[in-house]
């Protein structure tokens, strides 16, 4: 175990950028325990199973492991009941892990303040679609309306207990300032999906397709990407799963050019990145990770001119922007990118500036500083490990 250091992550139930960063933390502090509320091995990266993963009592309920959003009303008390034994806790948080108590010092690596508390309409998506879709959205909005006041109090109190806040992007730094009044240091994570490794082709898919890698949630705007690809007549491969899959499958069925792969293993993900013509992303993201992953394979990106993409995409060098998640604008940007000759060496050189070594070195320096402060607190008899 890395002496005196513990880790935390909201829940190990998905395959996404936040989960990849949590595994980077585990590599940076080998042997450290990781506290989390839920673990669904089949739904997340297999590397979590090799960690000293310390789950909450909620993990005994299989339904919650498979559908973590159902646990939203009880996640805060579950985190409160789990006590951390460490000098320094490093919490990878999108809404829960920053609430763990017990460590003498807490460093929060914030992917975004909780979207369901501070960006509810964007999180739920537009009130449209079929009768069932609208009913589900309104039910979710009503539930969040009831829960939000208490959860905001809990969330802000948890944020105030932290000693250091790190943000993954300038967008997240601004959101942390607005939600909590805290000034955070920006420490962009590196792309975790890199070209070295096994590749596995997708049967029936020829190279040169458009690629979208995203959780299938309304605010990811995958439907816009699907319709834009159909408008251009180009093949689209979508990697990811989520509650919006049924609606997207109905859209994809209009043509035979959209492939919804669901969750895939790393070997398949490497193959689709390498063989894509371009990545397309229309979501509002706090950090633009997928363009870096595509860029590691020399592939350009077509992305929304918003959020974290402004930190990770260089217009005309590593990608094209469009100004709003509208089908016609995405389609125009796709055609513009297809007409351009991209310098793949320039694309990969940009990705290299987001290197893993830089990320790990700065994170370890912050933790070392906080470890020293924890020692000073103990020596002075002012131990706050019960806070």
Protein backbone atom coordinates (compact mmCIF):
# COMPACT_ATOMS: atom_id res chain seq x y z
CA UNK A 1 0.00 0.00 0.00
CA UNK A 2 1.13 3.55 -0.69
CA UNK A 3 1.67 4.66 2.91
CA UNK A 4 -1.18 6.69 4.37
CA UNK A 5 -3.11 7.21 1.11
CA UNK A 6 -6.63 6.04 0.32
CA UNK A 7 -8.69 6.55 -2.84
CA UNK A 8 -12.39 7.01 -3.51
CA UNK A 9 -14.67 6.93 -6.55
CA UNK A 10 -18.45 7.43 -6.73
CA UNK A 11 -19.36 3.97 -8.03
CA UNK A 12 -17.54 1.39 -10.13
CA UNK A 13 -20.48 0.44 -12.31
CA UNK A 14 -19.73 2.04 -15.70
CA UNK A 15 -17.08 2.31 -18.41
CA UNK A 16 -16.34 5.99 -18.86
CA UNK A 17 -13.72 8.69 -18.60
CA UNK A 18 -14.18 9.15 -14.85
CA UNK A 19 -13.64 5.42 -14.29
CA UNK A 20 -10.47 5.49 -16.36
CA UNK A 21 -9.18 8.38 -14.23
CA UNK A 22 -10.01 6.46 -11.06
CA UNK A 23 -7.84 3.62 -12.36
CA UNK A 24 -5.06 6.12 -13.10
CA UNK A 25 -5.22 7.16 -9.44
CA UNK A 26 -4.89 3.52 -8.46
CA UNK A 27 -1.77 3.24 -10.64
CA UNK A 28 -0.33 6.44 -9.15
CA UNK A 29 -0.80 5.15 -5.59
CA UNK A 30 -0.41 1.37 -5.90
CA UNK A 31 -1.92 -0.82 -3.23
CA UNK A 32 -4.09 1.93 -1.76
CA UNK A 33 -7.66 0.93 -0.90
CA UNK A 34 -10.43 2.49 -2.97
CA UNK A 35 -13.72 3.34 -1.28
CA UNK A 36 -16.84 3.29 -3.45
CA UNK A 37 -20.56 2.81 -3.04
CA UNK A 38 -21.25 0.13 -5.66
CA UNK A 39 -19.30 -2.28 -7.85
CA UNK A 40 -20.81 -3.99 -10.89
CA UNK A 41 -17.93 -6.02 -12.39
CA UNK A 42 -19.74 -6.78 -15.64
CA UNK A 43 -20.55 -3.12 -16.20
CA UNK A 44 -17.17 -1.54 -15.60
CA UNK A 45 -13.50 -2.08 -16.37
CA UNK A 46 -12.09 -5.40 -15.13
CA UNK A 47 -9.13 -3.63 -13.46
CA UNK A 48 -11.42 -2.55 -10.61
CA UNK A 49 -11.73 -6.16 -9.50
CA UNK A 50 -7.97 -6.31 -8.87
CA UNK A 51 -8.08 -3.37 -6.42
CA UNK A 52 -8.70 -3.36 -2.69
CA UNK A 53 -12.23 -2.11 -3.32
CA UNK A 54 -14.20 -1.21 -0.18
CA UNK A 55 -17.88 -0.93 -1.06
CA UNK A 56 -20.84 0.36 0.93
CA UNK A 57 -23.72 -1.67 2.33
CA UNK A 58 -25.69 -0.76 -0.81
CA UNK A 59 -23.47 -3.09 -2.80
CA UNK A 60 -25.37 -6.04 -1.34
CA UNK A 61 -28.39 -5.06 -3.48
CA UNK A 62 -27.87 -6.45 -6.98
CA UNK A 63 -30.49 -4.16 -8.53
CA UNK A 64 -28.56 -1.08 -7.36
CA UNK A 65 -25.26 -2.48 -8.66
CA UNK A 66 -26.82 -2.85 -12.10
CA UNK A 67 -28.80 0.41 -12.03
CA UNK A 68 -26.91 2.87 -9.84
CA UNK A 69 -29.25 5.77 -10.65
CA UNK A 70 -31.96 4.05 -8.60
CA UNK A 71 -29.71 4.50 -5.56
CA UNK A 72 -29.61 8.30 -5.84
CA UNK A 73 -31.82 8.96 -2.77
CA UNK A 74 -29.60 6.79 -0.52
CA UNK A 75 -26.08 7.42 -1.84
CA UNK A 76 -25.34 10.39 0.44
CA UNK A 77 -26.13 8.52 3.68
CA UNK A 78 -24.24 5.48 2.37
CA UNK A 79 -21.13 7.63 1.83
CA UNK A 80 -21.57 9.22 5.28
CA UNK A 81 -21.59 5.77 6.91
CA UNK A 82 -18.37 4.61 5.21
CA UNK A 83 -15.39 5.92 7.17
CA UNK A 84 -11.95 6.26 5.59
CA UNK A 85 -8.81 5.37 7.51
CA UNK A 86 -5.97 7.37 5.91
CA UNK A 87 -3.77 10.42 6.22
CA UNK A 88 -4.80 11.59 2.74
CA UNK A 89 -7.87 10.67 0.72
CA UNK A 90 -7.79 11.27 -3.04
CA UNK A 91 -11.41 11.33 -4.22
CA UNK A 92 -12.40 10.99 -7.87
CA UNK A 93 -15.80 12.67 -7.76
CA UNK A 94 -18.75 13.59 -9.95
CA UNK A 95 -21.04 14.05 -7.00
CA UNK A 96 -20.46 11.59 -4.15
CA UNK A 97 -16.85 10.58 -3.47
CA UNK A 98 -15.88 14.02 -2.13
CA UNK A 99 -18.23 13.30 0.78
CA UNK A 100 -16.19 10.51 2.37
CA UNK A 101 -15.10 11.33 5.93
CA UNK A 102 -12.30 10.14 8.16
CA UNK A 103 -9.09 11.10 6.36
CA UNK A 104 -6.95 13.79 7.92
CA UNK A 105 -6.64 15.59 4.58
CA UNK A 106 -8.84 15.30 1.49
CA UNK A 107 -7.86 16.01 -2.12
CA UNK A 108 -10.81 16.06 -4.52
CA UNK A 109 -10.26 15.40 -8.21
CA UNK A 110 -13.51 16.81 -9.57
CA UNK A 111 -14.81 15.70 -12.96
CA UNK A 112 -17.85 17.99 -12.51
CA UNK A 113 -20.07 19.18 -9.67
CA UNK A 114 -23.15 16.96 -9.65
CA UNK A 115 -25.02 17.55 -12.90
CA UNK A 116 -28.32 16.41 -11.42
CA UNK A 117 -28.03 19.22 -8.83
CA UNK A 118 -26.61 22.10 -10.86
CA UNK A 119 -27.44 21.25 -14.51
CA UNK A 120 -30.69 19.36 -14.07
CA UNK A 121 -32.34 20.29 -17.38
CA UNK A 122 -29.20 19.44 -19.33
CA UNK A 123 -28.79 16.18 -17.39
CA UNK A 124 -32.38 15.08 -18.10
CA UNK A 125 -32.43 16.24 -21.71
CA UNK A 126 -35.29 17.87 -23.62
CA UNK A 127 -38.92 17.12 -22.77
CA UNK A 128 -39.64 15.39 -26.05
CA UNK A 129 -39.94 11.99 -27.67
CA UNK A 130 -42.73 9.49 -27.23
CA UNK A 131 -45.26 9.49 -24.41
CA UNK A 132 -43.19 7.03 -22.38
CA UNK A 133 -39.99 9.09 -22.76
CA UNK A 134 -41.74 12.27 -21.66
CA UNK A 135 -43.37 10.55 -18.70
CA UNK A 136 -40.05 9.11 -17.52
CA UNK A 137 -38.35 12.50 -17.83
CA UNK A 138 -41.09 14.25 -15.86
CA UNK A 139 -41.00 11.58 -13.16
CA UNK A 140 -37.23 11.97 -12.86
CA UNK A 141 -37.56 15.78 -12.76
CA UNK A 142 -40.18 15.52 -10.01
CA UNK A 143 -37.98 13.19 -7.95
CA UNK A 144 -34.98 15.48 -8.34
CA UNK A 145 -37.12 18.46 -7.38
CA UNK A 146 -37.93 16.78 -4.07
CA UNK A 147 -34.38 15.58 -3.38
CA UNK A 148 -32.38 18.59 -4.58
CA UNK A 149 -32.53 20.93 -1.54
CA UNK A 150 -31.23 18.31 0.92
CA UNK A 151 -28.67 16.94 -1.54
CA UNK A 152 -27.33 20.42 -2.28
CA UNK A 153 -26.81 21.04 1.44
CA UNK A 154 -24.98 17.72 1.75
CA UNK A 155 -22.94 18.34 -1.40
CA UNK A 156 -21.79 21.83 -0.42
CA UNK A 157 -20.92 20.76 3.12
CA UNK A 158 -18.83 17.91 1.68
CA UNK A 159 -17.05 20.31 -0.68
CA UNK A 160 -16.21 22.70 2.19
CA UNK A 161 -14.55 19.88 4.15
CA UNK A 162 -12.05 19.22 1.38
CA UNK A 163 -8.55 20.67 1.65
CA UNK A 164 -7.61 20.76 -2.05
CA UNK A 165 -9.76 20.81 -5.17
CA UNK A 166 -8.36 19.79 -8.55
CA UNK A 167 -10.43 20.26 -11.70
CA UNK A 168 -10.16 18.35 -14.95
CA UNK A 169 -10.76 21.45 -17.12
CA UNK A 170 -11.29 25.19 -17.13
CA UNK A 171 -15.03 24.57 -17.48
CA UNK A 172 -15.06 22.43 -14.35
CA UNK A 173 -12.96 24.99 -12.47
CA UNK A 174 -15.59 27.62 -13.27
CA UNK A 175 -18.41 25.28 -12.21
CA UNK A 176 -16.64 24.54 -8.90
CA UNK A 177 -16.30 28.27 -8.26
CA UNK A 178 -19.99 28.86 -9.00
CA UNK A 179 -21.27 25.88 -6.98
CA UNK A 180 -18.95 26.03 -3.97
CA UNK A 181 -16.98 29.28 -4.02
CA UNK A 182 -13.77 27.22 -4.19
CA UNK A 183 -10.80 27.99 -6.42
CA UNK A 184 -9.49 24.79 -8.00
CA UNK A 185 -6.27 24.01 -9.84
CA UNK A 186 -6.74 22.64 -13.36
CA UNK A 187 -5.01 19.29 -13.87
CA UNK A 188 -6.19 17.71 -17.15
CA UNK A 189 -6.12 13.91 -17.15
CA UNK A 190 -4.29 12.05 -19.89
CA UNK A 191 -6.06 9.81 -22.39
CA UNK A 192 -6.14 6.34 -20.92
CA UNK A 193 -6.98 4.55 -24.17
CA UNK A 194 -3.72 4.51 -26.12
CA UNK A 195 -2.70 2.68 -29.33
CA UNK A 196 -0.41 0.10 -27.72
CA UNK A 197 -2.32 -3.11 -27.19
CA UNK A 198 -4.49 -5.75 -28.80
CA UNK A 199 -7.05 -4.79 -31.45
CA UNK A 200 -10.20 -6.64 -32.44
CA UNK A 201 -12.11 -5.76 -35.62
CA UNK A 202 -15.88 -5.28 -35.68
CA UNK A 203 -17.42 -7.75 -38.15
CA UNK A 204 -19.30 -6.12 -40.99
CA UNK A 205 -17.83 -2.65 -40.46
CA UNK A 206 -15.39 -1.27 -43.02
CA UNK A 207 -12.72 1.33 -42.09
CA UNK A 208 -13.46 4.99 -42.79
CA UNK A 209 -16.61 5.36 -40.64
CA UNK A 210 -17.57 8.17 -38.28
CA UNK A 211 -17.22 7.28 -34.60
CA UNK A 212 -19.15 8.44 -31.53
CA UNK A 213 -18.01 7.26 -28.08
CA UNK A 214 -20.43 8.28 -25.33
CA UNK A 215 -22.75 7.09 -22.62
CA UNK A 216 -26.24 6.97 -24.07
CA UNK A 217 -27.77 9.75 -21.99
CA UNK A 218 -29.95 12.60 -23.30
CA UNK A 219 -27.39 15.36 -22.70
CA UNK A 220 -24.81 13.52 -24.80
CA UNK A 221 -26.85 14.39 -27.94
CA UNK A 222 -25.99 11.11 -29.64
CA UNK A 223 -29.31 11.35 -31.49
CA UNK A 224 -28.02 14.49 -33.24
CA UNK A 225 -24.88 12.64 -34.34
CA UNK A 226 -26.96 9.71 -35.64
CA UNK A 227 -29.19 11.98 -37.71
CA UNK A 228 -26.24 14.01 -39.01
CA UNK A 229 -24.45 10.84 -40.15
CA UNK A 230 -27.63 9.68 -41.87
CA UNK A 231 -27.99 13.08 -43.55
CA UNK A 232 -24.48 12.78 -45.02
CA UNK A 233 -24.92 9.14 -46.01
CA UNK A 234 -21.89 8.13 -43.94
CA UNK A 235 -21.50 5.04 -41.77
CA UNK A 236 -21.53 5.74 -38.03
CA UNK A 237 -20.29 3.49 -35.24
CA UNK A 238 -21.57 4.32 -31.74
CA UNK A 239 -19.76 2.90 -28.70
CA UNK A 240 -21.53 3.17 -25.35
CA UNK A 241 -24.65 2.17 -23.51
CA UNK A 242 -27.25 3.80 -21.31
CA UNK A 243 -30.92 4.60 -20.77
CA UNK A 244 -31.29 6.29 -24.17
CA UNK A 245 -30.38 3.19 -26.16
CA UNK A 246 -33.94 2.20 -27.08
CA UNK A 247 -34.74 5.59 -28.58
CA UNK A 248 -31.42 5.66 -30.44
CA UNK A 249 -31.98 2.17 -31.83
CA UNK A 250 -35.25 3.37 -33.33
CA UNK A 251 -33.42 6.28 -34.98
CA UNK A 252 -30.64 4.01 -36.23
CA UNK A 253 -33.17 1.63 -37.79
CA UNK A 254 -34.13 4.26 -40.37
CA UNK A 255 -31.01 3.33 -42.36
CA UNK A 256 -28.54 0.50 -42.32
CA UNK A 257 -25.57 2.80 -41.79
CA UNK A 258 -25.57 3.18 -38.00
CA UNK A 259 -24.00 0.50 -35.79
CA UNK A 260 -24.81 0.66 -32.06
CA UNK A 261 -22.12 -1.51 -30.48
CA UNK A 262 -23.00 -0.93 -26.83
CA UNK A 263 -20.15 -1.45 -24.39
CA UNK A 264 -17.00 -2.85 -25.95
CA UNK A 265 -13.70 -4.15 -24.62
CA UNK A 266 -10.46 -2.20 -25.01
CA UNK A 267 -9.30 -4.26 -27.98
CA UNK A 268 -12.45 -3.36 -29.92
CA UNK A 269 -12.24 0.26 -28.84
CA UNK A 270 -8.67 0.51 -30.13
CA UNK A 271 -9.76 -0.90 -33.48
CA UNK A 272 -12.63 1.55 -33.92
CA UNK A 273 -10.43 4.51 -32.98
CA UNK A 274 -7.71 3.44 -35.42
CA UNK A 275 -10.10 2.76 -38.28
CA UNK A 276 -12.40 5.76 -37.91
CA UNK A 277 -12.24 8.68 -40.31
CA UNK A 278 -13.14 11.05 -37.48
CA UNK A 279 -14.67 11.17 -34.02
CA UNK A 280 -17.94 13.12 -33.73
CA UNK A 281 -19.16 14.47 -30.36
CA UNK A 282 -22.15 16.76 -29.80
CA UNK A 283 -22.41 16.50 -26.02
CA UNK A 284 -21.91 19.16 -23.37
CA UNK A 285 -18.78 17.87 -21.69
CA UNK A 286 -16.85 19.16 -18.72
CA UNK A 287 -13.72 17.55 -20.14
CA UNK A 288 -13.09 16.63 -23.77
CA UNK A 289 -11.47 13.23 -23.29
CA UNK A 290 -12.59 11.33 -26.39
CA UNK A 291 -10.90 13.74 -28.87
CA UNK A 292 -7.62 13.04 -27.06
CA UNK A 293 -8.20 9.29 -27.31
CA UNK A 294 -9.00 9.60 -31.01
CA UNK A 295 -6.02 11.90 -31.45
CA UNK A 296 -3.68 9.32 -29.92
CA UNK A 297 -4.51 7.25 -33.02
CA UNK A 298 -3.98 10.27 -35.29
CA UNK A 299 -7.69 10.76 -35.89
CA UNK A 300 -9.32 14.23 -36.01
CA UNK A 301 -12.51 15.15 -34.18
CA UNK A 302 -15.69 17.03 -35.07
CA UNK A 303 -17.00 18.49 -31.82
CA UNK A 304 -19.33 21.01 -30.19
CA UNK A 305 -17.73 24.40 -29.62
CA UNK A 306 -18.43 24.26 -25.92
CA UNK A 307 -17.17 22.98 -22.60
CA UNK A 308 -14.12 20.80 -22.21
CA UNK A 309 -13.63 20.42 -25.96
CA UNK A 310 -12.29 23.98 -25.97
CA UNK A 311 -9.39 22.71 -23.83
CA UNK A 312 -8.56 19.59 -25.85
CA UNK A 313 -9.28 20.37 -29.51
CA UNK A 314 -7.29 22.84 -31.65
CA UNK A 315 -9.40 24.08 -34.53
CA UNK A 316 -7.91 23.24 -37.92
CA UNK A 317 -5.11 21.19 -36.33
CA UNK A 318 -6.84 18.40 -34.41
CA UNK A 319 -10.46 18.97 -35.34
CA UNK A 320 -13.45 20.97 -36.53
CA UNK A 321 -16.02 22.74 -34.34
CA UNK A 322 -19.74 23.27 -34.80
CA UNK A 323 -21.61 25.90 -32.82
CA UNK A 324 -24.71 24.07 -31.61
CA UNK A 325 -25.95 20.47 -31.40
CA UNK A 326 -28.12 20.76 -34.49
CA UNK A 327 -28.21 18.13 -37.22
CA UNK A 328 -27.44 20.50 -40.08
CA UNK A 329 -24.46 22.09 -38.28
CA UNK A 330 -22.96 18.71 -37.36
CA UNK A 331 -23.42 17.47 -40.92
CA UNK A 332 -21.71 20.58 -42.33
CA UNK A 333 -18.75 20.16 -39.96
CA UNK A 334 -18.44 16.47 -40.86
CA UNK A 335 -18.28 17.35 -44.57
CA UNK A 336 -15.75 20.10 -43.88
CA UNK A 337 -13.53 17.70 -41.93
CA UNK A 338 -13.81 15.10 -44.69
CA UNK A 339 -12.63 17.65 -47.27
CA UNK A 340 -9.55 18.61 -45.23
CA UNK A 341 -6.17 16.85 -45.27
CA UNK A 342 -5.17 16.23 -41.67
CA UNK A 343 -1.57 16.05 -40.43
CA UNK A 344 -1.75 12.98 -38.22
CA UNK A 345 1.66 13.73 -36.69
CA UNK A 346 0.40 17.15 -35.57
CA UNK A 347 -2.68 15.51 -34.06
CA UNK A 348 -0.64 13.00 -32.03
CA UNK A 349 1.85 15.71 -30.99
CA UNK A 350 -1.00 17.69 -29.45
CA UNK A 351 -2.17 14.65 -27.50
CA UNK A 352 1.37 14.16 -26.15
CA UNK A 353 1.07 17.45 -24.24
CA UNK A 354 -1.56 15.75 -22.05
CA UNK A 355 0.88 13.06 -20.94
CA UNK A 356 0.36 10.60 -18.11
CA UNK A 357 3.73 11.39 -16.51
CA UNK A 358 2.82 15.07 -16.09
CA UNK A 359 -0.54 14.17 -14.54
CA UNK A 360 0.88 11.61 -12.12
CA UNK A 361 3.82 13.79 -11.05
CA UNK A 362 1.59 16.76 -10.16
CA UNK A 363 -0.92 14.57 -8.35
CA UNK A 364 1.79 12.91 -6.27
CA UNK A 365 3.27 16.32 -5.42
CA UNK A 366 -0.11 17.54 -4.14
CA UNK A 367 -0.61 14.39 -2.06
CA UNK A 368 2.92 14.60 -0.63
CA UNK A 369 2.23 18.17 0.45
CA UNK A 370 -1.04 17.16 2.11
CA UNK A 371 0.66 14.18 3.81
CA UNK A 372 3.10 16.61 5.39
CA UNK A 373 0.21 18.72 6.64
CA UNK A 374 -1.51 15.62 8.06
CA UNK A 375 1.68 14.78 9.97
CA UNK A 376 1.85 18.33 11.30
CA UNK A 377 -1.77 18.11 12.46
CA UNK A 378 -1.04 14.89 14.35
CA UNK A 379 2.11 16.32 15.92
CA UNK A 380 0.20 19.38 17.12
CA UNK A 381 -2.55 17.22 18.63
CA UNK A 382 -5.17 18.69 16.29
CA UNK A 383 -6.17 15.48 14.53
CA UNK A 384 -9.31 16.09 12.46
CA UNK A 385 -9.69 12.54 11.14
CA UNK A 386 -13.19 12.37 12.62
CA UNK A 387 -14.47 15.40 10.69
